[in-house]
Amino acid sequence: MDLNKILMESAELDERLHEFWLTDGLNAPDKMRCAAILCRVVYEHAESIKMLLARGNFTSAIGLMRLQYESLVRAFWVVYAATDGFVTKLMAELTDEAARVANKIPMLSEMLNSLDGKAPKEATDMLLEFKEYSWKPLSSYIHGGIHAIDRNRRGYPLPLLLQLLKASNGISIMAAMLLVILYKNPAHKGKLPAIQREFADCLPRPSVKA
């Protein structure tokens, strides 16, 4: 399978998903607006990963996927588990004091644990599975560990790059799903399953390993 071909198909997938990010949430509650912003961050990271892969900056692309994943987890946490107080902290105008206060929100593992029994089980299972298989390798890439050193020295196998790209696309799909749940736009009914079937070749299989 050719990386450039999957990159082109993934760019087409992004175009199809773009409408889900155009939801007007200006008058929505802070919880919905905060989650929608985080979903747009997910989408931005996804686009950047594709640009980096196209340029051959593979280490940076892999490291960025952890940021994409963390933004998705936080979006789900905001919707299903965060208190209004935490959401208010995240939506405050950026100042040194506001940043200091916002830094006191739960760590990612705690966010994931708090989703149990609150968020849809399928989504929670997927988020937990990703962390189980990918968190440590992704951390190694981010911190200049053995994964980053060895891959830069020996090269990046094509299956690894394809897996990365498909995993990133899967994260974008999950963000779009969350937006559909949030805004309940009748125009979006049934669209995501159809998109997933159409772009099955550039979406992940059940487990993801970095």
C-alpha atoms as a PDB file:
ATOM      1  CA  MET A   1       0.000   0.000   0.000  1.00  0.00           C
ATOM      2  CA  ASP A   2       1.358   3.403  -0.998  1.00  0.00           C
ATOM      3  CA  LEU A   3       1.714   6.169   1.620  1.00  0.00           C
ATOM      4  CA  ASN A   4       1.001   8.961  -0.870  1.00  0.00           C
ATOM      5  CA  LYS A   5      -2.193   7.232  -1.971  1.00  0.00           C
ATOM      6  CA  ILE A   6      -3.437   6.941   1.611  1.00  0.00           C
ATOM      7  CA  LEU A   7      -2.411  10.556   2.255  1.00  0.00           C
ATOM      8  CA  MET A   8      -4.556  11.676  -0.678  1.00  0.00           C
ATOM      9  CA  GLU A   9      -7.506   9.595   0.501  1.00  0.00           C
ATOM     10  CA  SER A  10      -7.028  10.937   4.035  1.00  0.00           C
ATOM     11  CA  ALA A  11      -7.093  14.514   2.713  1.00  0.00           C
ATOM     12  CA  GLU A  12     -10.399  13.679   1.018  1.00  0.00           C
ATOM     13  CA  LEU A  13     -11.651  12.290   4.316  1.00  0.00           C
ATOM     14  CA  ASP A  14     -10.720  15.576   6.000  1.00  0.00           C
ATOM     15  CA  GLU A  15     -12.764  17.452   3.425  1.00  0.00           C
ATOM     16  CA  ARG A  16     -15.762  15.257   4.144  1.00  0.00           C
ATOM     17  CA  LEU A  17     -15.371  15.717   7.904  1.00  0.00           C
ATOM     18  CA  HIS A  18     -14.957  19.486   7.632  1.00  0.00           C
ATOM     19  CA  GLU A  19     -18.705  20.134   7.777  1.00  0.00           C
ATOM     20  CA  PHE A  20     -18.894  18.655  11.266  1.00  0.00           C
ATOM     21  CA  TRP A  21     -16.476  21.323  12.514  1.00  0.00           C
ATOM     22  CA  LEU A  22     -18.577  24.155  11.108  1.00  0.00           C
ATOM     23  CA  THR A  23     -21.341  23.742  13.688  1.00  0.00           C
ATOM     24  CA  ASP A  24     -22.408  27.119  15.052  1.00  0.00           C
ATOM     25  CA  GLY A  25     -21.902  26.962  18.810  1.00  0.00           C
ATOM     26  CA  LEU A  26     -21.686  30.653  19.623  1.00  0.00           C
ATOM     27  CA  ASN A  27     -24.771  30.564  21.842  1.00  0.00           C
ATOM     28  CA  ALA A  28     -24.136  27.097  23.263  1.00  0.00           C
ATOM     29  CA  PRO A  29     -23.221  26.469  26.921  1.00  0.00           C
ATOM     30  CA  ASP A  30     -19.533  26.632  27.848  1.00  0.00           C
ATOM     31  CA  LYS A  31     -19.303  22.832  28.105  1.00  0.00           C
ATOM     32  CA  MET A  32     -20.390  22.407  24.483  1.00  0.00           C
ATOM     33  CA  ARG A  33     -18.260  25.256  23.198  1.00  0.00           C
ATOM     34  CA  CYS A  34     -15.195  24.016  25.060  1.00  0.00           C
ATOM     35  CA  ALA A  35     -15.595  20.500  23.667  1.00  0.00           C
ATOM     36  CA  ALA A  36     -16.150  21.849  20.156  1.00  0.00           C
ATOM     37  CA  ILE A  37     -12.962  23.921  20.368  1.00  0.00           C
ATOM     38  CA  LEU A  38     -11.011  20.862  21.492  1.00  0.00           C
ATOM     39  CA  CYS A  39     -12.459  18.894  18.570  1.00  0.00           C
ATOM     40  CA  ARG A  40     -11.232  21.598  16.206  1.00  0.00           C
ATOM     41  CA  VAL A  41      -7.790  21.229  17.794  1.00  0.00           C
ATOM     42  CA  VAL A  42      -8.013  17.490  17.081  1.00  0.00           C
ATOM     43  CA  TYR A  43      -8.768  18.297  13.450  1.00  0.00           C
ATOM     44  CA  GLU A  44      -5.903  20.803  13.218  1.00  0.00           C
ATOM     45  CA  HIS A  45      -3.437  18.241  14.553  1.00  0.00           C
ATOM     46  CA  ALA A  46      -4.738  15.702  12.030  1.00  0.00           C
ATOM     47  CA  GLU A  47      -4.090  18.080   9.144  1.00  0.00           C
ATOM     48  CA  SER A  48      -0.614  18.852  10.481  1.00  0.00           C
ATOM     49  CA  ILE A  49       0.249  15.158  10.783  1.00  0.00           C
ATOM     50  CA  LYS A  50      -0.533  14.707   7.095  1.00  0.00           C
ATOM     51  CA  MET A  51       1.651  17.683   6.175  1.00  0.00           C
ATOM     52  CA  LEU A  52       4.544  16.304   8.215  1.00  0.00           C
ATOM     53  CA  LEU A  53       4.214  12.847   6.687  1.00  0.00           C
ATOM     54  CA  ALA A  54       4.172  14.354   3.196  1.00  0.00           C
ATOM     55  CA  ARG A  55       7.385  16.230   4.033  1.00  0.00           C
ATOM     56  CA  GLY A  56       9.074  13.153   5.440  1.00  0.00           C
ATOM     57  CA  ASN A  57       9.166  14.552   8.997  1.00  0.00           C
ATOM     58  CA  PHE A  58       8.065  11.248  10.457  1.00  0.00           C
ATOM     59  CA  THR A  59       9.263  11.668  14.037  1.00  0.00           C
ATOM     60  CA  SER A  60       7.396  14.945  14.404  1.00  0.00           C
ATOM     61  CA  ALA A  61       4.266  13.425  12.864  1.00  0.00           C
ATOM     62  CA  ILE A  62       4.263  10.540  15.322  1.00  0.00           C
ATOM     63  CA  GLY A  63       4.842  12.825  18.305  1.00  0.00           C
ATOM     64  CA  LEU A  64       2.003  15.087  17.216  1.00  0.00           C
ATOM     65  CA  MET A  65      -0.445  12.211  17.288  1.00  0.00           C
ATOM     66  CA  ARG A  66      -0.160  12.100  21.070  1.00  0.00           C
ATOM     67  CA  LEU A  67      -1.278  15.734  21.182  1.00  0.00           C
ATOM     68  CA  GLN A  68      -4.179  14.878  18.894  1.00  0.00           C
ATOM     69  CA  TYR A  69      -5.190  11.994  21.139  1.00  0.00           C
ATOM     70  CA  GLU A  70      -4.915  14.057  24.332  1.00  0.00           C
ATOM     71  CA  SER A  71      -7.146  16.758  22.844  1.00  0.00           C
ATOM     72  CA  LEU A  72      -9.757  14.123  22.015  1.00  0.00           C
ATOM     73  CA  VAL A  73      -9.662  12.641  25.526  1.00  0.00           C
ATOM     74  CA  ARG A  74     -10.066  16.093  27.035  1.00  0.00           C
ATOM     75  CA  ALA A  75     -13.014  16.822  24.744  1.00  0.00           C
ATOM     76  CA  PHE A  76     -14.796  13.665  25.919  1.00  0.00           C
ATOM     77  CA  TRP A  77     -13.914  14.461  29.527  1.00  0.00           C
ATOM     78  CA  VAL A  78     -15.332  17.978  29.212  1.00  0.00           C
ATOM     79  CA  VAL A  79     -18.623  16.614  27.898  1.00  0.00           C
ATOM     80  CA  TYR A  80     -19.117  13.623  30.157  1.00  0.00           C
ATOM     81  CA  ALA A  81     -17.110  14.045  33.355  1.00  0.00           C
ATOM     82  CA  ALA A  82     -15.831  17.584  33.967  1.00  0.00           C
ATOM     83  CA  THR A  83     -17.562  19.740  36.551  1.00  0.00           C
ATOM     84  CA  ASP A  84     -18.814  23.178  35.581  1.00  0.00           C
ATOM     85  CA  GLY A  85     -15.969  24.586  37.662  1.00  0.00           C
ATOM     86  CA  PHE A  86     -13.336  22.857  35.567  1.00  0.00           C
ATOM     87  CA  VAL A  87     -15.001  23.968  32.342  1.00  0.00           C
ATOM     88  CA  THR A  88     -15.080  27.556  33.594  1.00  0.00           C
ATOM     89  CA  LYS A  89     -11.342  27.372  34.281  1.00  0.00           C
ATOM     90  CA  LEU A  90     -10.647  26.118  30.771  1.00  0.00           C
ATOM     91  CA  MET A  91     -12.853  28.752  29.136  1.00  0.00           C
ATOM     92  CA  ALA A  92     -11.461  31.702  31.092  1.00  0.00           C
ATOM     93  CA  GLU A  93      -9.648  34.498  29.275  1.00  0.00           C
ATOM     94  CA  LEU A  94      -5.945  33.631  29.091  1.00  0.00           C
ATOM     95  CA  THR A  95      -3.905  35.360  31.803  1.00  0.00           C
ATOM     96  CA  ASP A  96      -0.997  34.116  33.915  1.00  0.00           C
ATOM     97  CA  GLU A  97      -3.360  33.479  36.804  1.00  0.00           C
ATOM     98  CA  ALA A  98      -5.975  31.745  34.639  1.00  0.00           C
ATOM     99  CA  ALA A  99      -3.273  29.505  33.146  1.00  0.00           C
ATOM    100  CA  ARG A 100      -2.021  28.601  36.620  1.00  0.00           C
ATOM    101  CA  VAL A 101      -5.514  27.665  37.762  1.00  0.00           C
ATOM    102  CA  ALA A 102      -6.320  25.720  34.579  1.00  0.00           C
ATOM    103  CA  ASN A 103      -3.150  23.648  35.006  1.00  0.00           C
ATOM    104  CA  LYS A 104      -4.749  22.043  38.063  1.00  0.00           C
ATOM    105  CA  ILE A 105      -7.269  20.006  36.088  1.00  0.00           C
ATOM    106  CA  PRO A 106      -6.925  16.191  36.235  1.00  0.00           C
ATOM    107  CA  MET A 107      -4.179  14.332  34.386  1.00  0.00           C
ATOM    108  CA  LEU A 108      -5.064  12.254  31.341  1.00  0.00           C
ATOM    109  CA  SER A 109      -5.263   8.897  33.151  1.00  0.00           C
ATOM    110  CA  GLU A 110      -7.656  10.391  35.686  1.00  0.00           C
ATOM    111  CA  MET A 111      -9.778  11.816  32.883  1.00  0.00           C
ATOM    112  CA  LEU A 112      -9.991   8.408  31.254  1.00  0.00           C
ATOM    113  CA  ASN A 113     -10.946   6.739  34.531  1.00  0.00           C
ATOM    114  CA  SER A 114     -13.671   9.311  35.150  1.00  0.00           C
ATOM    115  CA  LEU A 115     -15.268   8.520  31.770  1.00  0.00           C
ATOM    116  CA  ASP A 116     -16.080   4.975  32.853  1.00  0.00           C
ATOM    117  CA  GLY A 117     -19.837   4.574  33.080  1.00  0.00           C
ATOM    118  CA  LYS A 118     -20.479   8.123  31.846  1.00  0.00           C
ATOM    119  CA  ALA A 119     -19.290   8.307  28.243  1.00  0.00           C
ATOM    120  CA  PRO A 120     -20.481   5.802  25.601  1.00  0.00           C
ATOM    121  CA  LYS A 121     -18.737   2.485  26.308  1.00  0.00           C
ATOM    122  CA  GLU A 122     -17.540   2.029  22.734  1.00  0.00           C
ATOM    123  CA  ALA A 123     -15.798   5.403  22.796  1.00  0.00           C
ATOM    124  CA  THR A 124     -14.264   4.794  26.223  1.00  0.00           C
ATOM    125  CA  ASP A 125     -12.989   1.380  25.150  1.00  0.00           C
ATOM    126  CA  MET A 126     -11.345   2.866  22.052  1.00  0.00           C
ATOM    127  CA  LEU A 127      -9.683   5.646  24.043  1.00  0.00           C
ATOM    128  CA  LEU A 128      -8.370   3.162  26.619  1.00  0.00           C
ATOM    129  CA  GLU A 129      -7.155   0.751  23.956  1.00  0.00           C
ATOM    130  CA  PHE A 130      -5.220   3.502  22.214  1.00  0.00           C
ATOM    131  CA  LYS A 131      -3.529   4.493  25.466  1.00  0.00           C
ATOM    132  CA  GLU A 132      -2.673   0.892  26.335  1.00  0.00           C
ATOM    133  CA  TYR A 133      -0.880   0.197  23.073  1.00  0.00           C
ATOM    134  CA  SER A 134       0.430   3.596  22.026  1.00  0.00           C
ATOM    135  CA  TRP A 135       1.107   5.833  25.033  1.00  0.00           C
ATOM    136  CA  LYS A 136       4.609   4.644  25.941  1.00  0.00           C
ATOM    137  CA  PRO A 137       5.937   4.535  22.355  1.00  0.00           C
ATOM    138  CA  LEU A 138       4.484   7.981  21.622  1.00  0.00           C
ATOM    139  CA  SER A 139       6.066   9.345  24.795  1.00  0.00           C
ATOM    140  CA  SER A 140       9.394   7.936  23.643  1.00  0.00           C
ATOM    141  CA  TYR A 141       9.109   9.842  20.353  1.00  0.00           C
ATOM    142  CA  ILE A 142       8.191  13.067  22.135  1.00  0.00           C
ATOM    143  CA  HIS A 143      11.028  12.868  24.658  1.00  0.00           C
ATOM    144  CA  GLY A 144      13.759  11.781  22.256  1.00  0.00           C
ATOM    145  CA  GLY A 145      13.743   8.209  23.552  1.00  0.00           C
ATOM    146  CA  ILE A 146      14.816   4.938  21.980  1.00  0.00           C
ATOM    147  CA  HIS A 147      11.915   4.871  19.504  1.00  0.00           C
ATOM    148  CA  ALA A 148      12.873   8.245  18.023  1.00  0.00           C
ATOM    149  CA  ILE A 149      16.582   7.397  17.956  1.00  0.00           C
ATOM    150  CA  ASP A 150      16.212   3.937  16.444  1.00  0.00           C
ATOM    151  CA  ARG A 151      13.703   4.955  13.785  1.00  0.00           C
ATOM    152  CA  ASN A 152      15.781   7.954  12.721  1.00  0.00           C
ATOM    153  CA  ARG A 153      18.845   5.723  12.516  1.00  0.00           C
ATOM    154  CA  ARG A 154      17.276   2.760  10.725  1.00  0.00           C
ATOM    155  CA  GLY A 155      14.352   4.364   8.931  1.00  0.00           C
ATOM    156  CA  TYR A 156      10.578   4.252   9.333  1.00  0.00           C
ATOM    157  CA  PRO A 157       8.850   1.111   8.028  1.00  0.00           C
ATOM    158  CA  LEU A 158       5.942   1.822   5.711  1.00  0.00           C
ATOM    159  CA  PRO A 159       3.476  -0.234   7.823  1.00  0.00           C
ATOM    160  CA  LEU A 160       4.250   1.974  10.829  1.00  0.00           C
ATOM    161  CA  LEU A 161       3.589   5.170   8.872  1.00  0.00           C
ATOM    162  CA  LEU A 162       0.371   3.800   7.430  1.00  0.00           C
ATOM    163  CA  GLN A 163      -0.743   2.742  10.895  1.00  0.00           C
ATOM    164  CA  LEU A 164       0.001   6.223  12.228  1.00  0.00           C
ATOM    165  CA  LEU A 165      -2.005   7.895   9.487  1.00  0.00           C
ATOM    166  CA  LYS A 166      -4.972   5.568   9.908  1.00  0.00           C
ATOM    167  CA  ALA A 167      -4.919   6.011  13.681  1.00  0.00           C
ATOM    168  CA  SER A 168      -4.928   9.791  13.266  1.00  0.00           C
ATOM    169  CA  ASN A 169      -7.888   9.520  10.894  1.00  0.00           C
ATOM    170  CA  GLY A 170      -9.683   7.372  13.457  1.00  0.00           C
ATOM    171  CA  ILE A 171      -9.181  10.014  16.128  1.00  0.00           C
ATOM    172  CA  SER A 172     -10.692  12.612  13.788  1.00  0.00           C
ATOM    173  CA  ILE A 173     -13.705  10.363  13.215  1.00  0.00           C
ATOM    174  CA  MET A 174     -14.222  10.099  16.980  1.00  0.00           C
ATOM    175  CA  ALA A 175     -14.080  13.886  17.324  1.00  0.00           C
ATOM    176  CA  ALA A 176     -16.703  14.232  14.592  1.00  0.00           C
ATOM    177  CA  MET A 177     -18.859  11.653  16.396  1.00  0.00           C
ATOM    178  CA  LEU A 178     -18.673  13.702  19.577  1.00  0.00           C
ATOM    179  CA  LEU A 179     -19.789  16.815  17.697  1.00  0.00           C
ATOM    180  CA  VAL A 180     -22.744  14.921  16.239  1.00  0.00           C
ATOM    181  CA  ILE A 181     -23.737  13.833  19.751  1.00  0.00           C
ATOM    182  CA  LEU A 182     -23.295  17.353  21.103  1.00  0.00           C
ATOM    183  CA  TYR A 183     -25.238  19.358  18.539  1.00  0.00           C
ATOM    184  CA  LYS A 184     -27.760  16.766  17.304  1.00  0.00           C
ATOM    185  CA  ASN A 185     -27.902  18.367  13.870  1.00  0.00           C
ATOM    186  CA  PRO A 186     -30.542  16.464  11.835  1.00  0.00           C
ATOM    187  CA  ALA A 187     -28.553  17.152   8.666  1.00  0.00           C
ATOM    188  CA  HIS A 188     -25.726  14.965   9.994  1.00  0.00           C
ATOM    189  CA  LYS A 189     -27.893  11.925  10.698  1.00  0.00           C
ATOM    190  CA  GLY A 190     -26.368   8.809   9.144  1.00  0.00           C
ATOM    191  CA  LYS A 191     -23.506  10.666   7.478  1.00  0.00           C
ATOM    192  CA  LEU A 192     -20.616   9.447   9.613  1.00  0.00           C
ATOM    193  CA  PRO A 193     -21.292   5.706   9.203  1.00  0.00           C
ATOM    194  CA  ALA A 194     -21.469   6.253   5.445  1.00  0.00           C
ATOM    195  CA  ILE A 195     -18.177   8.166   5.496  1.00  0.00           C
ATOM    196  CA  GLN A 196     -16.543   5.421   7.555  1.00  0.00           C
ATOM    197  CA  ARG A 197     -17.608   2.805   5.020  1.00  0.00           C
ATOM    198  CA  GLU A 198     -16.426   4.926   2.107  1.00  0.00           C
ATOM    199  CA  PHE A 199     -12.997   5.557   3.646  1.00  0.00           C
ATOM    200  CA  ALA A 200     -12.477   2.186   5.344  1.00  0.00           C
ATOM    201  CA  ASP A 201      -9.084   1.774   3.656  1.00  0.00           C
ATOM    202  CA  CYS A 202      -7.642   4.754   5.522  1.00  0.00           C
ATOM    203  CA  LEU A 203      -9.166   4.038   8.934  1.00  0.00           C
ATOM    204  CA  PRO A 204      -7.635   1.849  11.657  1.00  0.00           C
ATOM    205  CA  ARG A 205      -8.256  -1.727  12.602  1.00  0.00           C
ATOM    206  CA  PRO A 206      -9.286  -2.447  16.231  1.00  0.00           C
ATOM    207  CA  SER A 207      -5.820  -2.095  17.845  1.00  0.00           C
ATOM    208  CA  VAL A 208      -3.282   0.675  17.277  1.00  0.00           C
ATOM    209  CA  LYS A 209       0.405   0.377  18.094  1.00  0.00           C
ATOM    210  CA  ALA A 210       3.026   3.081  17.498  1.00  0.00           C
END
